């Protein structure tokens, strides 16, 4: 039994108007077409729905039983249609994604503000994780994409660079406001706060300096970017981080000066699983991220 929405619409319209002619007019079809839809529905259901005469169309008991069920089915179909339109136009839905802790703290708040203003009804599920966990977690969760700093290639993923951050010395404005940049040799003479040796950012620093016969010997080593920035804000040393990882609103007294000789950059990238289509909500978020971070 394949009851169609057209048949149900014709049935409910005839039921309300008690007239196939008026129902046909409301539906925008001919009277014979409306009559045929009712006849087809009666055959498929195996019951008579209307007693017809030359002057009127009267619902049968079976029609009275069927009417409310047909109304619910049509309402569900209309609700589904509206929901799909909203999803397709990014007016509703949910976007779940992963973000490295640094990107979540320093870069994504501005993206979230812009996205929320344009798409207030979309649910956002941002999960901040360690940068090293981005690719493994993306492979095993329902997150649609990830944003953060990654290195190397991943066979099942595409990587798109959204922005790049220069490795910088971050300190209090009063400490080195007049400096345009610092060399790594100059930095070595000052108290510093670096990420621990097993973090990707530290590995990149040690490799770049080692290639020039240099060595980083920080005063403090920490695991979290916000820990380094909080210590810097208290005057304990200069944090060695990408300039993009300095959230100005959280640390207004800190500024970043690029480190040179050598200059080192770290990308912030978008990771997606190959062969997977982003939902309209996720596509809208990624478009916002590209615009803001560029």
C-alpha atoms as a PDB file:
ATOM      1  CA  UNK A   1       0.000   0.000   0.000  1.00  0.00           C
ATOM      2  CA  UNK A   2       1.629   3.244  -1.187  1.00  0.00           C
ATOM      3  CA  UNK A   3      -0.437   6.153   0.069  1.00  0.00           C
ATOM      4  CA  UNK A   4       0.896   9.441  -1.311  1.00  0.00           C
ATOM      5  CA  UNK A   5       0.926  12.905   0.191  1.00  0.00           C
ATOM      6  CA  UNK A   6      -1.133  14.151  -2.776  1.00  0.00           C
ATOM      7  CA  UNK A   7      -3.844  11.632  -1.934  1.00  0.00           C
ATOM      8  CA  UNK A   8      -3.820  12.627   1.727  1.00  0.00           C
ATOM      9  CA  UNK A   9      -4.020  16.326   0.869  1.00  0.00           C
ATOM     10  CA  UNK A  10      -6.972  15.672  -1.444  1.00  0.00           C
ATOM     11  CA  UNK A  11      -8.679  13.558   1.206  1.00  0.00           C
ATOM     12  CA  UNK A  12      -8.328  16.094   4.040  1.00  0.00           C
ATOM     13  CA  UNK A  13      -9.421  18.944   1.767  1.00  0.00           C
ATOM     14  CA  UNK A  14     -12.555  17.103   0.591  1.00  0.00           C
ATOM     15  CA  UNK A  15     -13.273  16.089   4.203  1.00  0.00           C
ATOM     16  CA  UNK A  16     -13.198  19.731   5.373  1.00  0.00           C
ATOM     17  CA  UNK A  17     -15.131  21.250   2.420  1.00  0.00           C
ATOM     18  CA  UNK A  18     -17.574  18.372   1.747  1.00  0.00           C
ATOM     19  CA  UNK A  19     -17.016  19.185  -1.920  1.00  0.00           C
ATOM     20  CA  UNK A  20     -14.650  17.724  -4.473  1.00  0.00           C
ATOM     21  CA  UNK A  21     -15.060  20.833  -6.611  1.00  0.00           C
ATOM     22  CA  UNK A  22     -14.057  23.234  -3.809  1.00  0.00           C
ATOM     23  CA  UNK A  23     -11.246  20.927  -2.730  1.00  0.00           C
ATOM     24  CA  UNK A  24      -9.908  20.825  -6.290  1.00  0.00           C
ATOM     25  CA  UNK A  25      -9.975  24.625  -6.398  1.00  0.00           C
ATOM     26  CA  UNK A  26      -8.033  24.906  -3.118  1.00  0.00           C
ATOM     27  CA  UNK A  27      -5.494  22.347  -4.291  1.00  0.00           C
ATOM     28  CA  UNK A  28      -5.084  24.007  -7.694  1.00  0.00           C
ATOM     29  CA  UNK A  29      -6.027  20.895  -9.641  1.00  0.00           C
ATOM     30  CA  UNK A  30      -8.981  19.874 -11.775  1.00  0.00           C
ATOM     31  CA  UNK A  31     -12.114  18.302 -10.311  1.00  0.00           C
ATOM     32  CA  UNK A  32     -11.529  14.970 -12.143  1.00  0.00           C
ATOM     33  CA  UNK A  33      -7.956  14.877 -10.800  1.00  0.00           C
ATOM     34  CA  UNK A  34      -9.168  15.403  -7.222  1.00  0.00           C
ATOM     35  CA  UNK A  35     -11.859  12.726  -7.677  1.00  0.00           C
ATOM     36  CA  UNK A  36      -9.270  10.292  -9.035  1.00  0.00           C
ATOM     37  CA  UNK A  37      -6.983  10.855  -6.015  1.00  0.00           C
ATOM     38  CA  UNK A  38      -9.855  10.011  -3.650  1.00  0.00           C
ATOM     39  CA  UNK A  39     -10.761   6.905  -5.649  1.00  0.00           C
ATOM     40  CA  UNK A  40      -7.116   5.729  -5.610  1.00  0.00           C
ATOM     41  CA  UNK A  41      -6.900   6.255  -1.848  1.00  0.00           C
ATOM     42  CA  UNK A  42     -10.119   4.307  -1.265  1.00  0.00           C
ATOM     43  CA  UNK A  43      -8.778   1.404  -3.329  1.00  0.00           C
ATOM     44  CA  UNK A  44      -5.460   1.373  -1.499  1.00  0.00           C
ATOM     45  CA  UNK A  45      -7.069   1.600   1.951  1.00  0.00           C
ATOM     46  CA  UNK A  46      -9.809  -0.886   1.047  1.00  0.00           C
ATOM     47  CA  UNK A  47     -12.587   1.293   2.507  1.00  0.00           C
ATOM     48  CA  UNK A  48     -15.100   3.813   1.210  1.00  0.00           C
ATOM     49  CA  UNK A  49     -14.272   7.290   2.462  1.00  0.00           C
ATOM     50  CA  UNK A  50     -17.137   9.365   1.096  1.00  0.00           C
ATOM     51  CA  UNK A  51     -20.770   8.847   0.198  1.00  0.00           C
ATOM     52  CA  UNK A  52     -21.257  10.862  -2.974  1.00  0.00           C
ATOM     53  CA  UNK A  53     -24.470  12.316  -4.360  1.00  0.00           C
ATOM     54  CA  UNK A  54     -25.160  14.920  -7.001  1.00  0.00           C
ATOM     55  CA  UNK A  55     -25.408  17.577  -4.310  1.00  0.00           C
ATOM     56  CA  UNK A  56     -22.922  16.644  -1.577  1.00  0.00           C
ATOM     57  CA  UNK A  57     -20.010  14.508  -0.442  1.00  0.00           C
ATOM     58  CA  UNK A  58     -20.416  13.051   3.045  1.00  0.00           C
ATOM     59  CA  UNK A  59     -17.553  11.457   5.004  1.00  0.00           C
ATOM     60  CA  UNK A  60     -18.079   7.896   6.103  1.00  0.00           C
ATOM     61  CA  UNK A  61     -17.182   6.546   9.547  1.00  0.00           C
ATOM     62  CA  UNK A  62     -13.947   5.263   8.030  1.00  0.00           C
ATOM     63  CA  UNK A  63     -13.120   8.791   6.829  1.00  0.00           C
ATOM     64  CA  UNK A  64     -13.749  10.161  10.314  1.00  0.00           C
ATOM     65  CA  UNK A  65     -11.320   7.576  11.695  1.00  0.00           C
ATOM     66  CA  UNK A  66      -8.710   8.355   9.041  1.00  0.00           C
ATOM     67  CA  UNK A  67      -8.900  12.163   9.078  1.00  0.00           C
ATOM     68  CA  UNK A  68      -6.858  12.891  12.218  1.00  0.00           C
ATOM     69  CA  UNK A  69      -4.183  10.346  11.255  1.00  0.00           C
ATOM     70  CA  UNK A  70      -3.942  11.942   7.802  1.00  0.00           C
ATOM     71  CA  UNK A  71      -3.622  15.403   9.385  1.00  0.00           C
ATOM     72  CA  UNK A  72      -0.784  14.177  11.592  1.00  0.00           C
ATOM     73  CA  UNK A  73       1.018  12.601   8.646  1.00  0.00           C
ATOM     74  CA  UNK A  74       0.723  15.765   6.589  1.00  0.00           C
ATOM     75  CA  UNK A  75       1.891  17.853   9.542  1.00  0.00           C
ATOM     76  CA  UNK A  76       4.914  15.599  10.035  1.00  0.00           C
ATOM     77  CA  UNK A  77       5.743  15.833   6.327  1.00  0.00           C
ATOM     78  CA  UNK A  78       5.456  19.623   6.373  1.00  0.00           C
ATOM     79  CA  UNK A  79       7.559  19.816   9.513  1.00  0.00           C
ATOM     80  CA  UNK A  80      10.206  17.613   7.921  1.00  0.00           C
ATOM     81  CA  UNK A  81      10.183  19.776   4.800  1.00  0.00           C
ATOM     82  CA  UNK A  82      10.620  22.959   6.836  1.00  0.00           C
ATOM     83  CA  UNK A  83      13.368  21.365   8.906  1.00  0.00           C
ATOM     84  CA  UNK A  84      15.264  20.239   5.823  1.00  0.00           C
ATOM     85  CA  UNK A  85      14.948  23.717   4.289  1.00  0.00           C
ATOM     86  CA  UNK A  86      16.302  25.248   7.481  1.00  0.00           C
ATOM     87  CA  UNK A  87      19.179  22.774   7.530  1.00  0.00           C
ATOM     88  CA  UNK A  88      19.975  23.349   3.861  1.00  0.00           C
ATOM     89  CA  UNK A  89      20.018  27.113   4.365  1.00  0.00           C
ATOM     90  CA  UNK A  90      22.013  26.868   7.632  1.00  0.00           C
ATOM     91  CA  UNK A  91      19.151  28.349   9.636  1.00  0.00           C
ATOM     92  CA  UNK A  92      19.078  25.349  11.978  1.00  0.00           C
ATOM     93  CA  UNK A  93      21.113  22.306  12.861  1.00  0.00           C
ATOM     94  CA  UNK A  94      24.205  21.508  14.845  1.00  0.00           C
ATOM     95  CA  UNK A  95      27.908  21.822  14.178  1.00  0.00           C
ATOM     96  CA  UNK A  96      30.323  19.671  16.197  1.00  0.00           C
ATOM     97  CA  UNK A  97      34.058  20.204  15.788  1.00  0.00           C
ATOM     98  CA  UNK A  98      37.392  19.846  17.535  1.00  0.00           C
ATOM     99  CA  UNK A  99      39.771  22.701  18.272  1.00  0.00           C
ATOM    100  CA  UNK A 100      43.261  22.717  19.694  1.00  0.00           C
ATOM    101  CA  UNK A 101      43.384  24.379  23.101  1.00  0.00           C
ATOM    102  CA  UNK A 102      45.385  27.318  21.748  1.00  0.00           C
ATOM    103  CA  UNK A 103      43.064  27.937  18.806  1.00  0.00           C
ATOM    104  CA  UNK A 104      40.004  27.578  21.032  1.00  0.00           C
ATOM    105  CA  UNK A 105      41.350  30.180  23.433  1.00  0.00           C
ATOM    106  CA  UNK A 106      42.899  32.748  21.109  1.00  0.00           C
ATOM    107  CA  UNK A 107      41.366  32.443  17.638  1.00  0.00           C
ATOM    108  CA  UNK A 108      37.936  30.869  17.712  1.00  0.00           C
ATOM    109  CA  UNK A 109      36.088  33.231  20.089  1.00  0.00           C
ATOM    110  CA  UNK A 110      36.015  35.895  17.358  1.00  0.00           C
ATOM    111  CA  UNK A 111      34.831  33.287  14.841  1.00  0.00           C
ATOM    112  CA  UNK A 112      32.104  32.157  17.242  1.00  0.00           C
ATOM    113  CA  UNK A 113      30.876  35.712  17.782  1.00  0.00           C
ATOM    114  CA  UNK A 114      30.548  36.359  14.053  1.00  0.00           C
ATOM    115  CA  UNK A 115      28.952  32.983  13.378  1.00  0.00           C
ATOM    116  CA  UNK A 116      26.461  33.288  16.242  1.00  0.00           C
ATOM    117  CA  UNK A 117      25.347  36.696  14.987  1.00  0.00           C
ATOM    118  CA  UNK A 118      24.596  35.278  11.526  1.00  0.00           C
ATOM    119  CA  UNK A 119      23.243  31.870  12.631  1.00  0.00           C
ATOM    120  CA  UNK A 120      21.676  32.260  16.091  1.00  0.00           C
ATOM    121  CA  UNK A 121      19.653  29.035  15.930  1.00  0.00           C
ATOM    122  CA  UNK A 122      22.500  26.647  15.116  1.00  0.00           C
ATOM    123  CA  UNK A 123      23.768  24.598  18.054  1.00  0.00           C
ATOM    124  CA  UNK A 124      27.561  24.734  18.462  1.00  0.00           C
ATOM    125  CA  UNK A 125      29.526  21.880  20.032  1.00  0.00           C
ATOM    126  CA  UNK A 126      33.199  22.920  20.209  1.00  0.00           C
ATOM    127  CA  UNK A 127      35.506  20.408  21.904  1.00  0.00           C
ATOM    128  CA  UNK A 128      38.925  21.767  22.870  1.00  0.00           C
ATOM    129  CA  UNK A 129      41.671  19.146  22.940  1.00  0.00           C
ATOM    130  CA  UNK A 130      45.443  18.976  22.820  1.00  0.00           C
ATOM    131  CA  UNK A 131      46.835  19.680  19.349  1.00  0.00           C
ATOM    132  CA  UNK A 132      48.301  16.180  19.154  1.00  0.00           C
ATOM    133  CA  UNK A 133      44.822  14.713  19.673  1.00  0.00           C
ATOM    134  CA  UNK A 134      43.133  16.550  16.782  1.00  0.00           C
ATOM    135  CA  UNK A 135      43.667  13.977  14.045  1.00  0.00           C
ATOM    136  CA  UNK A 136      43.130  10.842  16.182  1.00  0.00           C
ATOM    137  CA  UNK A 137      39.943  12.230  17.748  1.00  0.00           C
ATOM    138  CA  UNK A 138      38.572  13.411  14.412  1.00  0.00           C
ATOM    139  CA  UNK A 139      38.853   9.848  13.122  1.00  0.00           C
ATOM    140  CA  UNK A 140      36.848   8.356  15.974  1.00  0.00           C
ATOM    141  CA  UNK A 141      34.161  10.905  16.959  1.00  0.00           C
ATOM    142  CA  UNK A 142      31.138  12.540  15.371  1.00  0.00           C
ATOM    143  CA  UNK A 143      33.012  15.845  14.990  1.00  0.00           C
ATOM    144  CA  UNK A 144      32.819  17.042  11.386  1.00  0.00           C
ATOM    145  CA  UNK A 145      36.159  18.875  11.267  1.00  0.00           C
ATOM    146  CA  UNK A 146      39.005  20.133  13.428  1.00  0.00           C
ATOM    147  CA  UNK A 147      40.896  23.430  13.674  1.00  0.00           C
ATOM    148  CA  UNK A 148      44.399  23.713  15.082  1.00  0.00           C
ATOM    149  CA  UNK A 149      48.096  23.279  14.409  1.00  0.00           C
ATOM    150  CA  UNK A 150      49.082  19.914  13.000  1.00  0.00           C
ATOM    151  CA  UNK A 151      52.170  18.600  11.270  1.00  0.00           C
ATOM    152  CA  UNK A 152      52.722  15.954   8.637  1.00  0.00           C
ATOM    153  CA  UNK A 153      50.166  14.261   6.414  1.00  0.00           C
ATOM    154  CA  UNK A 154      47.224  12.043   7.288  1.00  0.00           C
ATOM    155  CA  UNK A 155      46.085   9.529   4.690  1.00  0.00           C
ATOM    156  CA  UNK A 156      42.381   9.847   5.476  1.00  0.00           C
ATOM    157  CA  UNK A 157      42.266  13.622   5.877  1.00  0.00           C
ATOM    158  CA  UNK A 158      42.638  16.877   3.989  1.00  0.00           C
ATOM    159  CA  UNK A 159      44.502  19.779   5.592  1.00  0.00           C
ATOM    160  CA  UNK A 160      43.876  23.414   4.645  1.00  0.00           C
ATOM    161  CA  UNK A 161      45.916  26.254   6.163  1.00  0.00           C
ATOM    162  CA  UNK A 162      43.632  28.973   7.536  1.00  0.00           C
ATOM    163  CA  UNK A 163      46.296  31.291   8.939  1.00  0.00           C
ATOM    164  CA  UNK A 164      49.928  31.326  10.028  1.00  0.00           C
ATOM    165  CA  UNK A 165      51.457  32.650  13.230  1.00  0.00           C
ATOM    166  CA  UNK A 166      55.030  33.858  13.650  1.00  0.00           C
ATOM    167  CA  UNK A 167      56.877  32.439  16.629  1.00  0.00           C
ATOM    168  CA  UNK A 168      57.189  35.439  18.914  1.00  0.00           C
ATOM    169  CA  UNK A 169      58.403  36.589  22.261  1.00  0.00           C
ATOM    170  CA  UNK A 170      55.336  37.591  24.249  1.00  0.00           C
ATOM    171  CA  UNK A 171      55.768  39.877  27.220  1.00  0.00           C
ATOM    172  CA  UNK A 172      54.418  42.858  29.075  1.00  0.00           C
ATOM    173  CA  UNK A 173      54.175  46.051  27.076  1.00  0.00           C
ATOM    174  CA  UNK A 174      56.380  47.867  29.557  1.00  0.00           C
ATOM    175  CA  UNK A 175      59.151  45.289  29.162  1.00  0.00           C
ATOM    176  CA  UNK A 176      59.903  45.692  25.439  1.00  0.00           C
ATOM    177  CA  UNK A 177      57.417  48.017  23.796  1.00  0.00           C
ATOM    178  CA  UNK A 178      60.201  49.774  21.848  1.00  0.00           C
ATOM    179  CA  UNK A 179      61.502  46.591  20.227  1.00  0.00           C
ATOM    180  CA  UNK A 180      60.353  45.654  16.720  1.00  0.00           C
ATOM    181  CA  UNK A 181      61.678  42.107  17.010  1.00  0.00           C
ATOM    182  CA  UNK A 182      64.097  39.924  18.956  1.00  0.00           C
ATOM    183  CA  UNK A 183      66.667  37.448  17.760  1.00  0.00           C
ATOM    184  CA  UNK A 184      66.860  34.047  19.386  1.00  0.00           C
ATOM    185  CA  UNK A 185      70.339  34.971  20.658  1.00  0.00           C
ATOM    186  CA  UNK A 186      68.908  38.058  22.379  1.00  0.00           C
ATOM    187  CA  UNK A 187      66.071  35.984  23.799  1.00  0.00           C
ATOM    188  CA  UNK A 188      68.595  33.554  25.300  1.00  0.00           C
ATOM    189  CA  UNK A 189      69.782  36.332  27.630  1.00  0.00           C
ATOM    190  CA  UNK A 190      66.306  36.813  29.133  1.00  0.00           C
ATOM    191  CA  UNK A 191      64.028  34.695  31.361  1.00  0.00           C
ATOM    192  CA  UNK A 192      61.729  32.662  29.117  1.00  0.00           C
ATOM    193  CA  UNK A 193      58.723  30.381  29.316  1.00  0.00           C
ATOM    194  CA  UNK A 194      58.515  27.658  26.669  1.00  0.00           C
ATOM    195  CA  UNK A 195      56.306  24.670  25.991  1.00  0.00           C
ATOM    196  CA  UNK A 196      57.594  21.292  27.147  1.00  0.00           C
ATOM    197  CA  UNK A 197      59.946  19.277  24.947  1.00  0.00           C
ATOM    198  CA  UNK A 198      57.338  16.694  23.945  1.00  0.00           C
ATOM    199  CA  UNK A 199      54.937  19.261  22.461  1.00  0.00           C
ATOM    200  CA  UNK A 200      54.880  19.798  18.696  1.00  0.00           C
ATOM    201  CA  UNK A 201      55.597  23.512  18.963  1.00  0.00           C
ATOM    202  CA  UNK A 202      58.713  22.827  21.067  1.00  0.00           C
ATOM    203  CA  UNK A 203      59.871  20.071  18.725  1.00  0.00           C
ATOM    204  CA  UNK A 204      59.598  22.517  15.809  1.00  0.00           C
ATOM    205  CA  UNK A 205      61.576  25.163  17.709  1.00  0.00           C
ATOM    206  CA  UNK A 206      64.320  22.737  18.739  1.00  0.00           C
ATOM    207  CA  UNK A 207      64.657  21.429  15.168  1.00  0.00           C
ATOM    208  CA  UNK A 208      64.839  24.912  13.626  1.00  0.00           C
ATOM    209  CA  UNK A 209      67.382  26.157  16.157  1.00  0.00           C
ATOM    210  CA  UNK A 210      69.379  22.938  16.042  1.00  0.00           C
ATOM    211  CA  UNK A 211      69.795  23.356  12.278  1.00  0.00           C
ATOM    212  CA  UNK A 212      71.643  26.611  13.022  1.00  0.00           C
ATOM    213  CA  UNK A 213      73.657  25.246  15.893  1.00  0.00           C
ATOM    214  CA  UNK A 214      71.524  27.003  18.494  1.00  0.00           C
ATOM    215  CA  UNK A 215      69.832  25.619  21.600  1.00  0.00           C
ATOM    216  CA  UNK A 216      66.821  26.786  23.620  1.00  0.00           C
ATOM    217  CA  UNK A 217      67.295  26.685  27.390  1.00  0.00           C
ATOM    218  CA  UNK A 218      64.102  28.176  28.848  1.00  0.00           C
ATOM    219  CA  UNK A 219      63.696  29.279  32.446  1.00  0.00           C
ATOM    220  CA  UNK A 220      60.346  27.508  32.720  1.00  0.00           C
ATOM    221  CA  UNK A 221      58.616  24.778  30.723  1.00  0.00           C
ATOM    222  CA  UNK A 222      54.828  24.356  30.733  1.00  0.00           C
ATOM    223  CA  UNK A 223      52.206  22.202  29.034  1.00  0.00           C
ATOM    224  CA  UNK A 224      49.397  24.696  28.475  1.00  0.00           C
ATOM    225  CA  UNK A 225      49.541  27.916  26.482  1.00  0.00           C
ATOM    226  CA  UNK A 226      47.378  29.793  28.988  1.00  0.00           C
ATOM    227  CA  UNK A 227      49.779  28.806  31.764  1.00  0.00           C
ATOM    228  CA  UNK A 228      52.659  30.390  29.857  1.00  0.00           C
ATOM    229  CA  UNK A 229      50.664  33.573  29.232  1.00  0.00           C
ATOM    230  CA  UNK A 230      49.516  33.832  32.856  1.00  0.00           C
ATOM    231  CA  UNK A 231      53.109  33.487  34.067  1.00  0.00           C
ATOM    232  CA  UNK A 232      54.237  36.089  31.543  1.00  0.00           C
ATOM    233  CA  UNK A 233      51.544  38.489  32.756  1.00  0.00           C
ATOM    234  CA  UNK A 234      53.095  38.191  36.226  1.00  0.00           C
ATOM    235  CA  UNK A 235      56.527  39.132  34.881  1.00  0.00           C
ATOM    236  CA  UNK A 236      58.132  35.699  35.235  1.00  0.00           C
ATOM    237  CA  UNK A 237      59.533  35.686  31.702  1.00  0.00           C
ATOM    238  CA  UNK A 238      58.798  36.008  28.000  1.00  0.00           C
ATOM    239  CA  UNK A 239      56.507  33.356  26.556  1.00  0.00           C
ATOM    240  CA  UNK A 240      57.649  31.744  23.308  1.00  0.00           C
ATOM    241  CA  UNK A 241      54.488  31.221  21.261  1.00  0.00           C
ATOM    242  CA  UNK A 242      52.930  32.057  17.893  1.00  0.00           C
ATOM    243  CA  UNK A 243      51.565  35.588  17.932  1.00  0.00           C
ATOM    244  CA  UNK A 244      48.170  34.187  16.939  1.00  0.00           C
ATOM    245  CA  UNK A 245      47.986  32.390  20.292  1.00  0.00           C
ATOM    246  CA  UNK A 246      47.848  35.651  22.275  1.00  0.00           C
ATOM    247  CA  UNK A 247      44.204  36.447  23.125  1.00  0.00           C
ATOM    248  CA  UNK A 248      44.369  40.218  23.485  1.00  0.00           C
ATOM    249  CA  UNK A 249      41.092  40.452  25.392  1.00  0.00           C
ATOM    250  CA  UNK A 250      42.299  38.055  28.065  1.00  0.00           C
ATOM    251  CA  UNK A 251      45.787  39.513  28.336  1.00  0.00           C
ATOM    252  CA  UNK A 252      45.560  43.214  27.359  1.00  0.00           C
ATOM    253  CA  UNK A 253      48.891  44.034  29.018  1.00  0.00           C
ATOM    254  CA  UNK A 254      50.836  41.619  26.797  1.00  0.00           C
ATOM    255  CA  UNK A 255      52.263  42.174  23.326  1.00  0.00           C
ATOM    256  CA  UNK A 256      54.039  39.917  20.838  1.00  0.00           C
ATOM    257  CA  UNK A 257      57.332  40.692  19.088  1.00  0.00           C
ATOM    258  CA  UNK A 258      58.448  38.407  16.252  1.00  0.00           C
ATOM    259  CA  UNK A 259      61.494  36.236  16.800  1.00  0.00           C
ATOM    260  CA  UNK A 260      64.034  36.326  13.973  1.00  0.00           C
ATOM    261  CA  UNK A 261      67.225  34.628  12.899  1.00  0.00           C
ATOM    262  CA  UNK A 262      65.614  32.232  12.327  1.00  0.00           C
ATOM    263  CA  UNK A 263      61.999  33.214  11.714  1.00  0.00           C
ATOM    264  CA  UNK A 264      59.661  30.306  12.460  1.00  0.00           C
ATOM    265  CA  UNK A 265      55.972  30.087  11.592  1.00  0.00           C
ATOM    266  CA  UNK A 266      53.241  27.693  12.662  1.00  0.00           C
ATOM    267  CA  UNK A 267      50.061  27.141  10.651  1.00  0.00           C
ATOM    268  CA  UNK A 268      46.557  26.920  12.008  1.00  0.00           C
ATOM    269  CA  UNK A 269      44.771  24.416   9.786  1.00  0.00           C
ATOM    270  CA  UNK A 270      41.382  22.961   9.001  1.00  0.00           C
ATOM    271  CA  UNK A 271      41.228  19.152   9.047  1.00  0.00           C
ATOM    272  CA  UNK A 272      38.462  17.216   7.343  1.00  0.00           C
ATOM    273  CA  UNK A 273      37.923  13.528   6.698  1.00  0.00           C
ATOM    274  CA  UNK A 274      38.255  12.670   3.015  1.00  0.00           C
ATOM    275  CA  UNK A 275      35.063  11.723   1.248  1.00  0.00           C
ATOM    276  CA  UNK A 276      32.808  13.193   3.937  1.00  0.00           C
ATOM    277  CA  UNK A 277      30.450  16.052   3.083  1.00  0.00           C
ATOM    278  CA  UNK A 278      30.081  18.734   5.740  1.00  0.00           C
ATOM    279  CA  UNK A 279      26.568  19.558   6.885  1.00  0.00           C
ATOM    280  CA  UNK A 280      25.246  22.976   5.784  1.00  0.00           C
ATOM    281  CA  UNK A 281      25.773  24.254   9.343  1.00  0.00           C
ATOM    282  CA  UNK A 282      29.395  23.071   9.325  1.00  0.00           C
ATOM    283  CA  UNK A 283      29.959  24.554   5.866  1.00  0.00           C
ATOM    284  CA  UNK A 284      28.693  27.909   7.135  1.00  0.00           C
ATOM    285  CA  UNK A 285      30.995  27.742  10.171  1.00  0.00           C
ATOM    286  CA  UNK A 286      34.040  26.857   8.075  1.00  0.00           C
ATOM    287  CA  UNK A 287      33.267  29.745   5.705  1.00  0.00           C
ATOM    288  CA  UNK A 288      33.116  32.113   8.689  1.00  0.00           C
ATOM    289  CA  UNK A 289      36.406  30.754  10.044  1.00  0.00           C
ATOM    290  CA  UNK A 290      38.121  31.262   6.697  1.00  0.00           C
ATOM    291  CA  UNK A 291      36.932  34.867   6.553  1.00  0.00           C
ATOM    292  CA  UNK A 292      37.799  35.803  10.135  1.00  0.00           C
ATOM    293  CA  UNK A 293      41.147  34.029  10.369  1.00  0.00           C
ATOM    294  CA  UNK A 294      42.368  35.185   6.974  1.00  0.00           C
END
